[in-house]
N, C-alpha and C. Protein backbone atom coordinates (compact mmCIF):
# COMPACT_ATOMS: atom_id res chain seq x y z
N MET A 1 0.85 -1.18 0.00
CA MET A 1 0.00 0.00 0.00
C MET A 1 0.90 1.24 0.00
N SER A 2 0.55 2.20 -0.85
CA SER A 2 1.37 3.40 -0.93
C SER A 2 1.25 4.22 0.35
N GLU A 3 2.23 5.11 0.55
CA GLU A 3 2.20 5.98 1.73
C GLU A 3 0.92 6.81 1.75
N LEU A 4 0.50 7.26 0.57
CA LEU A 4 -0.71 8.06 0.47
C LEU A 4 -1.94 7.27 0.92
N ASN A 5 -2.07 6.04 0.44
CA ASN A 5 -3.21 5.22 0.84
C ASN A 5 -3.15 4.85 2.31
N GLN A 6 -1.96 4.60 2.85
CA GLN A 6 -1.84 4.29 4.27
C GLN A 6 -2.27 5.49 5.11
N ARG A 7 -1.85 6.67 4.74
CA ARG A 7 -2.23 7.87 5.49
C ARG A 7 -3.74 8.10 5.41
N PHE A 8 -4.29 7.92 4.21
CA PHE A 8 -5.70 8.24 4.02
C PHE A 8 -6.62 7.16 4.56
N SER A 9 -6.11 5.98 4.83
CA SER A 9 -6.97 4.93 5.38
C SER A 9 -7.23 5.13 6.87
N LYS A 10 -6.51 6.07 7.51
CA LYS A 10 -6.69 6.31 8.94
C LYS A 10 -7.88 7.20 9.24
N LYS A 11 -8.35 7.95 8.27
CA LYS A 11 -9.47 8.88 8.46
C LYS A 11 -10.53 8.58 7.41
N PRO A 12 -11.71 9.23 7.50
CA PRO A 12 -12.74 8.97 6.49
C PRO A 12 -12.20 9.19 5.08
N PHE A 13 -12.36 8.19 4.26
CA PHE A 13 -11.74 8.12 2.94
C PHE A 13 -12.10 9.30 2.04
N ALA A 14 -13.38 9.54 1.80
CA ALA A 14 -13.78 10.56 0.83
C ALA A 14 -13.33 11.95 1.25
N SER A 15 -13.43 12.26 2.52
CA SER A 15 -13.05 13.58 2.99
C SER A 15 -11.57 13.85 2.75
N LEU A 16 -10.73 12.87 3.02
CA LEU A 16 -9.29 13.06 2.83
C LEU A 16 -8.91 13.12 1.36
N TRP A 17 -9.53 12.30 0.53
CA TRP A 17 -9.23 12.40 -0.90
C TRP A 17 -9.71 13.73 -1.44
N ALA A 18 -10.84 14.20 -0.98
CA ALA A 18 -11.33 15.51 -1.41
C ALA A 18 -10.33 16.58 -1.02
N ARG A 19 -9.85 16.52 0.19
CA ARG A 19 -8.87 17.48 0.68
C ARG A 19 -7.59 17.39 -0.14
N TYR A 20 -7.17 16.18 -0.47
CA TYR A 20 -5.96 15.98 -1.26
C TYR A 20 -6.10 16.63 -2.64
N TYR A 21 -7.22 16.39 -3.31
CA TYR A 21 -7.40 16.96 -4.65
C TYR A 21 -7.57 18.47 -4.59
N LEU A 22 -8.18 18.97 -3.55
CA LEU A 22 -8.28 20.41 -3.38
C LEU A 22 -6.89 21.02 -3.22
N HIS A 23 -6.04 20.38 -2.45
CA HIS A 23 -4.66 20.84 -2.28
C HIS A 23 -3.91 20.81 -3.62
N LEU A 24 -4.11 19.74 -4.40
CA LEU A 24 -3.44 19.68 -5.70
C LEU A 24 -3.88 20.84 -6.59
N ALA A 25 -5.18 21.10 -6.59
CA ALA A 25 -5.69 22.21 -7.41
C ALA A 25 -5.14 23.54 -6.92
N MET A 26 -5.13 23.75 -5.63
CA MET A 26 -4.61 25.01 -5.09
C MET A 26 -3.12 25.16 -5.37
N ARG A 27 -2.41 24.03 -5.37
CA ARG A 27 -0.98 24.09 -5.69
C ARG A 27 -0.79 24.57 -7.13
N GLU A 28 -1.64 24.08 -8.03
CA GLU A 28 -1.56 24.51 -9.42
C GLU A 28 -1.92 25.99 -9.56
N LEU A 29 -2.95 26.41 -8.85
CA LEU A 29 -3.42 27.79 -8.96
C LEU A 29 -2.47 28.79 -8.31
N TYR A 30 -1.90 28.42 -7.17
CA TYR A 30 -1.13 29.38 -6.37
C TYR A 30 0.34 29.02 -6.20
N ASP A 31 0.78 27.97 -6.91
CA ASP A 31 2.17 27.56 -6.85
C ASP A 31 2.63 27.31 -5.41
N GLN A 32 1.82 26.56 -4.67
CA GLN A 32 2.16 26.16 -3.31
C GLN A 32 2.25 24.64 -3.28
N SER A 33 3.07 24.10 -2.43
CA SER A 33 3.09 22.65 -2.28
C SER A 33 2.87 22.30 -0.82
N PHE A 34 2.31 21.13 -0.60
CA PHE A 34 1.93 20.69 0.73
C PHE A 34 2.44 19.28 0.97
N SER A 35 2.84 18.99 2.19
CA SER A 35 3.23 17.63 2.55
C SER A 35 1.97 16.83 2.88
N LEU A 36 2.12 15.52 2.98
CA LEU A 36 0.97 14.68 3.35
C LEU A 36 0.44 15.04 4.73
N ASP A 37 1.35 15.38 5.66
CA ASP A 37 0.90 15.79 6.99
C ASP A 37 0.07 17.06 6.92
N GLU A 38 0.50 18.01 6.10
CA GLU A 38 -0.25 19.25 5.96
C GLU A 38 -1.62 18.99 5.35
N ILE A 39 -1.69 18.07 4.40
CA ILE A 39 -2.97 17.73 3.78
C ILE A 39 -3.92 17.17 4.84
N GLN A 40 -3.42 16.28 5.69
CA GLN A 40 -4.27 15.69 6.72
C GLN A 40 -4.70 16.73 7.75
N ASP A 41 -3.85 17.69 8.06
CA ASP A 41 -4.13 18.65 9.13
C ASP A 41 -4.93 19.86 8.68
N HIS A 42 -4.94 20.15 7.38
CA HIS A 42 -5.67 21.33 6.90
C HIS A 42 -7.15 21.03 6.78
N HIS A 43 -7.94 22.05 6.92
CA HIS A 43 -9.37 21.96 6.69
C HIS A 43 -9.67 22.76 5.43
N PHE A 44 -10.79 22.46 4.76
CA PHE A 44 -11.13 23.16 3.53
C PHE A 44 -11.21 24.66 3.73
N SER A 45 -11.64 25.10 4.89
CA SER A 45 -11.80 26.53 5.13
C SER A 45 -10.45 27.27 5.09
N ASP A 46 -9.33 26.53 5.18
CA ASP A 46 -8.02 27.17 5.09
C ASP A 46 -7.82 27.88 3.75
N PHE A 47 -8.63 27.54 2.74
CA PHE A 47 -8.47 28.13 1.43
C PHE A 47 -9.31 29.39 1.24
N LYS A 48 -10.03 29.80 2.27
CA LYS A 48 -10.85 30.99 2.14
C LYS A 48 -10.01 32.25 1.99
N HIS A 49 -8.75 32.21 2.40
CA HIS A 49 -7.90 33.38 2.25
C HIS A 49 -7.51 33.60 0.79
N HIS A 50 -7.72 32.62 -0.07
CA HIS A 50 -7.48 32.80 -1.50
C HIS A 50 -8.72 33.44 -2.09
N LYS A 51 -8.68 34.74 -2.24
CA LYS A 51 -9.87 35.51 -2.60
C LYS A 51 -10.31 35.33 -4.05
N GLU A 52 -9.42 34.92 -4.95
CA GLU A 52 -9.79 34.84 -6.36
C GLU A 52 -10.59 33.60 -6.71
N HIS A 53 -10.46 32.53 -5.93
CA HIS A 53 -11.10 31.26 -6.26
C HIS A 53 -11.98 30.77 -5.11
N ARG A 54 -13.01 30.04 -5.49
CA ARG A 54 -13.86 29.36 -4.51
C ARG A 54 -14.06 27.94 -5.02
N TYR A 55 -14.60 27.08 -4.19
CA TYR A 55 -14.78 25.69 -4.59
C TYR A 55 -16.05 25.12 -3.99
N THR A 56 -16.51 24.05 -4.59
CA THR A 56 -17.58 23.24 -4.06
C THR A 56 -17.25 21.80 -4.41
N LEU A 57 -17.71 20.87 -3.62
CA LEU A 57 -17.43 19.48 -3.92
C LEU A 57 -18.60 18.58 -3.55
N SER A 58 -18.57 17.41 -4.14
CA SER A 58 -19.54 16.37 -3.84
C SER A 58 -18.81 15.04 -3.95
N HIS A 59 -19.25 14.08 -3.18
CA HIS A 59 -18.63 12.76 -3.29
C HIS A 59 -19.65 11.69 -2.95
N ASN A 60 -19.37 10.51 -3.44
CA ASN A 60 -20.09 9.30 -3.03
C ASN A 60 -19.00 8.29 -2.69
N PRO A 61 -19.34 7.08 -2.31
CA PRO A 61 -18.27 6.15 -1.92
C PRO A 61 -17.26 5.84 -3.03
N ASP A 62 -17.64 6.11 -4.28
CA ASP A 62 -16.78 5.75 -5.41
C ASP A 62 -16.06 6.92 -6.07
N LEU A 63 -16.67 8.10 -6.05
CA LEU A 63 -16.15 9.22 -6.83
C LEU A 63 -16.17 10.53 -6.05
N LEU A 64 -15.38 11.46 -6.56
CA LEU A 64 -15.32 12.80 -5.99
C LEU A 64 -15.44 13.79 -7.14
N ALA A 65 -16.27 14.82 -6.96
CA ALA A 65 -16.37 15.91 -7.94
C ALA A 65 -15.96 17.19 -7.22
N LEU A 66 -15.00 17.88 -7.78
CA LEU A 66 -14.50 19.13 -7.22
C LEU A 66 -14.60 20.18 -8.31
N TRP A 67 -15.27 21.30 -7.99
CA TRP A 67 -15.43 22.39 -8.95
C TRP A 67 -14.82 23.63 -8.32
N ILE A 68 -13.78 24.17 -8.96
CA ILE A 68 -13.14 25.39 -8.50
C ILE A 68 -13.40 26.45 -9.57
N TRP A 69 -13.86 27.62 -9.13
CA TRP A 69 -14.16 28.68 -10.08
C TRP A 69 -13.55 29.99 -9.61
N GLN A 70 -13.34 30.87 -10.57
CA GLN A 70 -12.88 32.21 -10.24
C GLN A 70 -14.06 32.99 -9.69
N LYS A 71 -13.80 33.71 -8.62
CA LYS A 71 -14.88 34.41 -7.93
C LYS A 71 -15.58 35.43 -8.83
N ASP A 72 -14.87 36.00 -9.80
CA ASP A 72 -15.53 36.95 -10.69
C ASP A 72 -16.34 36.28 -11.80
N GLN A 73 -16.23 34.96 -11.92
CA GLN A 73 -17.00 34.22 -12.92
C GLN A 73 -18.43 33.95 -12.42
N TYR A 74 -18.56 33.52 -11.17
CA TYR A 74 -19.87 33.25 -10.56
C TYR A 74 -19.88 33.87 -9.16
N HIS A 75 -21.04 34.29 -8.72
CA HIS A 75 -21.17 34.72 -7.33
C HIS A 75 -21.15 33.51 -6.41
N ALA A 76 -21.73 32.40 -6.89
CA ALA A 76 -21.76 31.16 -6.10
C ALA A 76 -22.00 29.99 -7.03
N ALA A 77 -21.60 28.79 -6.59
CA ALA A 77 -21.82 27.58 -7.37
C ALA A 77 -21.93 26.39 -6.43
N GLY A 78 -22.56 25.34 -6.91
CA GLY A 78 -22.70 24.11 -6.15
C GLY A 78 -22.71 22.92 -7.10
N ILE A 79 -22.27 21.78 -6.61
CA ILE A 79 -22.22 20.57 -7.44
C ILE A 79 -22.71 19.39 -6.62
N ASP A 80 -23.35 18.43 -7.29
CA ASP A 80 -23.74 17.19 -6.63
C ASP A 80 -23.64 16.06 -7.64
N ILE A 81 -23.22 14.88 -7.16
CA ILE A 81 -23.16 13.69 -7.99
C ILE A 81 -23.90 12.56 -7.29
N GLU A 82 -24.59 11.75 -8.07
CA GLU A 82 -25.31 10.58 -7.56
C GLU A 82 -25.29 9.52 -8.65
N TRP A 83 -25.19 8.26 -8.24
CA TRP A 83 -25.35 7.16 -9.18
C TRP A 83 -26.84 7.03 -9.52
N CYS A 84 -27.16 6.78 -10.79
CA CYS A 84 -28.56 6.58 -11.18
C CYS A 84 -29.16 5.39 -10.44
N ARG A 85 -28.34 4.40 -10.16
CA ARG A 85 -28.81 3.17 -9.49
C ARG A 85 -28.97 3.33 -7.99
N ARG A 86 -28.63 4.50 -7.45
CA ARG A 86 -28.67 4.69 -6.00
C ARG A 86 -30.06 4.34 -5.46
N PRO A 87 -30.12 3.45 -4.47
CA PRO A 87 -31.42 3.13 -3.88
C PRO A 87 -32.00 4.36 -3.17
N HIS A 88 -33.29 4.54 -3.30
CA HIS A 88 -33.94 5.66 -2.62
C HIS A 88 -35.37 5.27 -2.25
N HIS A 89 -35.90 6.01 -1.33
CA HIS A 89 -37.27 5.76 -0.86
C HIS A 89 -38.24 6.01 -2.02
N PRO A 90 -39.25 5.16 -2.18
CA PRO A 90 -40.20 5.36 -3.29
C PRO A 90 -40.90 6.72 -3.26
N ARG A 91 -40.98 7.33 -2.09
CA ARG A 91 -41.65 8.61 -1.97
C ARG A 91 -40.66 9.78 -1.87
N LEU A 92 -39.45 9.59 -2.37
CA LEU A 92 -38.42 10.63 -2.29
C LEU A 92 -38.93 11.98 -2.80
N LEU A 93 -39.58 11.98 -3.95
CA LEU A 93 -40.05 13.24 -4.51
C LEU A 93 -41.03 13.95 -3.58
N SER A 94 -41.87 13.20 -2.91
CA SER A 94 -42.83 13.85 -2.02
C SER A 94 -42.14 14.49 -0.81
N TYR A 95 -40.96 14.00 -0.46
CA TYR A 95 -40.21 14.56 0.67
C TYR A 95 -39.44 15.84 0.30
N ILE A 96 -39.12 16.02 -0.98
CA ILE A 96 -38.30 17.16 -1.39
C ILE A 96 -39.05 18.13 -2.31
N ARG A 97 -40.28 17.83 -2.61
CA ARG A 97 -41.05 18.61 -3.59
C ARG A 97 -41.46 19.98 -3.04
N HIS A 98 -41.37 20.98 -3.91
CA HIS A 98 -41.90 22.32 -3.66
C HIS A 98 -43.15 22.45 -4.54
N GLU A 99 -44.15 23.14 -4.07
CA GLU A 99 -45.41 23.24 -4.83
C GLU A 99 -45.22 23.87 -6.21
N LYS A 100 -44.18 24.65 -6.42
CA LYS A 100 -43.93 25.30 -7.71
C LYS A 100 -42.97 24.51 -8.61
N ASP A 101 -42.49 23.36 -8.15
CA ASP A 101 -41.57 22.55 -8.97
C ASP A 101 -42.20 22.18 -10.30
N ASP A 102 -41.42 22.27 -11.36
CA ASP A 102 -41.81 21.80 -12.68
C ASP A 102 -40.75 20.78 -13.10
N THR A 103 -40.88 19.57 -12.59
CA THR A 103 -39.81 18.57 -12.72
C THR A 103 -40.30 17.25 -13.31
N ASP A 104 -41.40 17.29 -14.07
CA ASP A 104 -41.98 16.05 -14.59
C ASP A 104 -41.02 15.26 -15.48
N GLU A 105 -40.09 15.95 -16.17
CA GLU A 105 -39.19 15.25 -17.08
C GLU A 105 -37.99 14.61 -16.38
N TYR A 106 -37.86 14.81 -15.07
CA TYR A 106 -36.72 14.29 -14.32
C TYR A 106 -37.10 13.10 -13.46
N SER A 107 -36.11 12.23 -13.24
CA SER A 107 -36.30 11.13 -12.28
C SER A 107 -36.14 11.68 -10.86
N ALA A 108 -36.51 10.89 -9.88
CA ALA A 108 -36.38 11.31 -8.48
C ALA A 108 -34.92 11.61 -8.14
N ILE A 109 -33.99 10.77 -8.60
CA ILE A 109 -32.57 10.99 -8.32
C ILE A 109 -32.09 12.27 -8.98
N GLU A 110 -32.53 12.56 -10.20
CA GLU A 110 -32.14 13.79 -10.87
C GLU A 110 -32.65 15.02 -10.13
N VAL A 111 -33.88 14.99 -9.66
CA VAL A 111 -34.43 16.11 -8.90
C VAL A 111 -33.64 16.31 -7.61
N PHE A 112 -33.37 15.20 -6.91
CA PHE A 112 -32.58 15.27 -5.68
C PHE A 112 -31.22 15.90 -5.94
N CYS A 113 -30.56 15.45 -6.99
CA CYS A 113 -29.21 15.93 -7.35
C CYS A 113 -29.26 17.43 -7.69
N LEU A 114 -30.25 17.86 -8.48
CA LEU A 114 -30.39 19.27 -8.84
C LEU A 114 -30.63 20.14 -7.60
N LYS A 115 -31.46 19.64 -6.70
CA LYS A 115 -31.76 20.42 -5.50
C LYS A 115 -30.57 20.47 -4.55
N GLU A 116 -29.83 19.39 -4.44
CA GLU A 116 -28.62 19.39 -3.60
C GLU A 116 -27.58 20.38 -4.13
N ALA A 117 -27.37 20.39 -5.44
CA ALA A 117 -26.43 21.35 -6.03
C ALA A 117 -26.91 22.78 -5.79
N SER A 118 -28.21 23.00 -5.90
CA SER A 118 -28.78 24.34 -5.67
C SER A 118 -28.60 24.77 -4.22
N LEU A 119 -28.83 23.84 -3.30
CA LEU A 119 -28.67 24.13 -1.88
C LEU A 119 -27.22 24.53 -1.57
N LYS A 120 -26.26 23.78 -2.12
CA LYS A 120 -24.84 24.11 -1.91
C LYS A 120 -24.51 25.48 -2.49
N CYS A 121 -25.05 25.76 -3.67
CA CYS A 121 -24.82 27.05 -4.31
C CYS A 121 -25.35 28.18 -3.43
N LEU A 122 -26.55 28.04 -2.94
CA LEU A 122 -27.15 29.08 -2.10
C LEU A 122 -26.36 29.31 -0.82
N HIS A 123 -25.77 28.24 -0.29
CA HIS A 123 -24.96 28.40 0.93
C HIS A 123 -23.62 29.08 0.65
N HIS A 124 -23.18 29.09 -0.61
CA HIS A 124 -21.97 29.82 -1.00
C HIS A 124 -22.25 31.28 -1.32
N LEU A 125 -23.52 31.64 -1.45
CA LEU A 125 -23.88 33.00 -1.87
C LEU A 125 -23.79 33.95 -0.67
N ASP A 126 -22.71 34.73 -0.64
CA ASP A 126 -22.44 35.60 0.49
C ASP A 126 -23.52 36.64 0.73
N SER A 127 -24.15 37.12 -0.34
CA SER A 127 -25.14 38.19 -0.20
C SER A 127 -26.47 37.70 0.36
N LEU A 128 -26.66 36.40 0.43
CA LEU A 128 -27.92 35.84 0.92
C LEU A 128 -27.91 35.78 2.44
N GLN A 129 -28.77 36.53 3.08
CA GLN A 129 -28.81 36.60 4.54
C GLN A 129 -29.40 35.34 5.16
N VAL A 130 -30.52 34.87 4.62
CA VAL A 130 -31.20 33.68 5.14
C VAL A 130 -30.99 32.54 4.15
N LYS A 131 -30.33 31.50 4.60
CA LYS A 131 -30.02 30.35 3.74
C LYS A 131 -31.13 29.30 3.87
N PRO A 132 -31.39 28.55 2.81
CA PRO A 132 -32.39 27.50 2.90
C PRO A 132 -31.92 26.39 3.84
N LYS A 133 -32.86 25.82 4.56
CA LYS A 133 -32.54 24.73 5.49
C LYS A 133 -33.01 23.37 4.96
N ALA A 134 -33.86 23.39 3.93
CA ALA A 134 -34.41 22.14 3.40
C ALA A 134 -34.56 22.24 1.89
N LEU A 135 -34.50 21.09 1.22
CA LEU A 135 -34.66 21.05 -0.23
C LEU A 135 -36.06 21.51 -0.65
N THR A 136 -37.02 21.38 0.22
CA THR A 136 -38.40 21.79 -0.10
C THR A 136 -38.54 23.30 -0.24
N GLN A 137 -37.56 24.05 0.21
CA GLN A 137 -37.62 25.52 0.10
C GLN A 137 -37.14 26.02 -1.26
N ILE A 138 -36.57 25.14 -2.05
CA ILE A 138 -36.03 25.49 -3.37
C ILE A 138 -36.95 24.90 -4.42
N PHE A 139 -37.29 25.69 -5.45
CA PHE A 139 -38.05 25.08 -6.52
C PHE A 139 -37.31 25.17 -7.85
N LEU A 140 -37.60 24.19 -8.71
CA LEU A 140 -36.92 24.02 -9.99
C LEU A 140 -37.89 24.27 -11.13
N ARG A 141 -37.39 24.95 -12.17
CA ARG A 141 -38.23 25.21 -13.33
C ARG A 141 -37.35 25.55 -14.52
N LYS A 142 -37.45 24.76 -15.60
CA LYS A 142 -36.79 25.03 -16.89
C LYS A 142 -35.33 25.44 -16.78
N GLY A 143 -34.51 24.57 -16.23
CA GLY A 143 -33.07 24.83 -16.17
C GLY A 143 -32.64 25.88 -15.16
N ALA A 144 -33.54 26.18 -14.20
CA ALA A 144 -33.22 27.20 -13.19
C ALA A 144 -33.72 26.74 -11.83
N PHE A 145 -33.14 27.34 -10.78
CA PHE A 145 -33.63 27.11 -9.42
C PHE A 145 -33.97 28.46 -8.81
N TYR A 146 -34.88 28.41 -7.84
CA TYR A 146 -35.37 29.64 -7.21
C TYR A 146 -35.46 29.45 -5.70
N PHE A 147 -35.06 30.49 -4.97
CA PHE A 147 -35.21 30.55 -3.52
C PHE A 147 -35.36 32.02 -3.16
N ASP A 148 -36.45 32.36 -2.52
CA ASP A 148 -36.76 33.76 -2.22
C ASP A 148 -36.59 34.60 -3.49
N GLU A 149 -35.72 35.60 -3.45
CA GLU A 149 -35.52 36.48 -4.61
C GLU A 149 -34.36 36.02 -5.50
N VAL A 150 -33.75 34.90 -5.17
CA VAL A 150 -32.58 34.43 -5.91
C VAL A 150 -32.99 33.46 -7.01
N GLN A 151 -32.42 33.68 -8.19
CA GLN A 151 -32.59 32.74 -9.30
C GLN A 151 -31.21 32.32 -9.77
N GLY A 152 -31.02 31.01 -9.98
CA GLY A 152 -29.76 30.50 -10.47
C GLY A 152 -29.97 29.57 -11.64
N GLN A 153 -28.90 29.22 -12.30
CA GLN A 153 -28.97 28.33 -13.46
C GLN A 153 -28.53 26.92 -13.06
N LEU A 154 -29.05 25.95 -13.82
CA LEU A 154 -28.77 24.54 -13.57
C LEU A 154 -28.24 23.86 -14.83
N ILE A 155 -27.31 22.95 -14.64
CA ILE A 155 -26.84 22.07 -15.71
C ILE A 155 -26.90 20.65 -15.18
N LEU A 156 -27.56 19.77 -15.91
CA LEU A 156 -27.66 18.35 -15.53
C LEU A 156 -26.96 17.53 -16.60
N GLU A 157 -26.03 16.68 -16.17
CA GLU A 157 -25.30 15.83 -17.10
C GLU A 157 -25.34 14.39 -16.63
N HIS A 158 -25.20 13.48 -17.59
CA HIS A 158 -25.09 12.05 -17.30
C HIS A 158 -23.77 11.57 -17.88
N LYS A 159 -23.00 10.89 -17.06
CA LYS A 159 -21.70 10.37 -17.48
C LYS A 159 -21.72 8.85 -17.31
N LYS A 160 -21.27 8.13 -18.33
CA LYS A 160 -21.18 6.68 -18.23
C LYS A 160 -19.78 6.34 -17.73
N ILE A 161 -19.72 5.65 -16.59
CA ILE A 161 -18.45 5.28 -15.98
C ILE A 161 -18.53 3.79 -15.64
N ASN A 162 -17.67 3.00 -16.28
CA ASN A 162 -17.64 1.55 -16.04
C ASN A 162 -19.04 0.94 -16.13
N GLU A 163 -19.74 1.22 -17.20
CA GLU A 163 -21.07 0.68 -17.48
C GLU A 163 -22.16 1.15 -16.53
N GLU A 164 -21.87 2.13 -15.68
CA GLU A 164 -22.89 2.71 -14.80
C GLU A 164 -23.06 4.17 -15.15
N VAL A 165 -24.23 4.71 -14.83
CA VAL A 165 -24.52 6.10 -15.17
C VAL A 165 -24.48 6.96 -13.91
N LEU A 166 -23.70 8.03 -14.00
CA LEU A 166 -23.56 9.00 -12.93
C LEU A 166 -24.35 10.25 -13.33
N VAL A 167 -25.14 10.77 -12.38
CA VAL A 167 -25.84 12.03 -12.59
C VAL A 167 -25.00 13.10 -11.92
N MET A 168 -24.71 14.19 -12.67
CA MET A 168 -23.98 15.31 -12.10
C MET A 168 -24.78 16.57 -12.35
N ALA A 169 -25.08 17.27 -11.26
CA ALA A 169 -25.81 18.54 -11.35
C ALA A 169 -24.90 19.68 -10.90
N ARG A 170 -24.93 20.76 -11.67
CA ARG A 170 -24.18 21.96 -11.30
C ARG A 170 -25.18 23.13 -11.24
N ALA A 171 -25.06 23.92 -10.19
CA ALA A 171 -25.92 25.09 -9.99
C ALA A 171 -25.03 26.29 -9.81
N PHE A 172 -25.43 27.43 -10.37
CA PHE A 172 -24.61 28.63 -10.21
C PHE A 172 -25.45 29.90 -10.32
N VAL A 173 -24.93 30.94 -9.71
CA VAL A 173 -25.52 32.27 -9.76
C VAL A 173 -24.45 33.19 -10.33
N ARG A 174 -24.77 33.88 -11.38
CA ARG A 174 -23.80 34.82 -12.02
C ARG A 174 -23.87 36.17 -11.35
């Protein structure tokens, strides 16, 4: 087992790999390098002092999605990934539905993924005083999400990975 895998097997796997890839990205952006000990000891919030870039991430037991953007490109962004095969409660949509949702063309997992990405985006939006606490507070309509006076854009993609389909949703506010 490599030194990297030995170090990362001591703590929750996805969180440490996410931190590792975030460090690699920051090293590329800011020409900084980090030791494995520094990677384990740093928290994601350590990168808030880098004012030009922000990030959002999502992971499942198999994959990690990390989106880093320039702050002047978007005010906020969020990402979520889910396997299409992910087991879910048959009434999932009824638990996350907003009365204004227009989501008939989406599966339950796609709606969940879009709303999770939207929720993360809204939590990155510095100008928003009151953040949503539940997916039911966000509604989806024609490639956009809405919460209070905020409107953002949505992108939904499907990626085939090893004969399985991954749903990836990205939400952003310009």
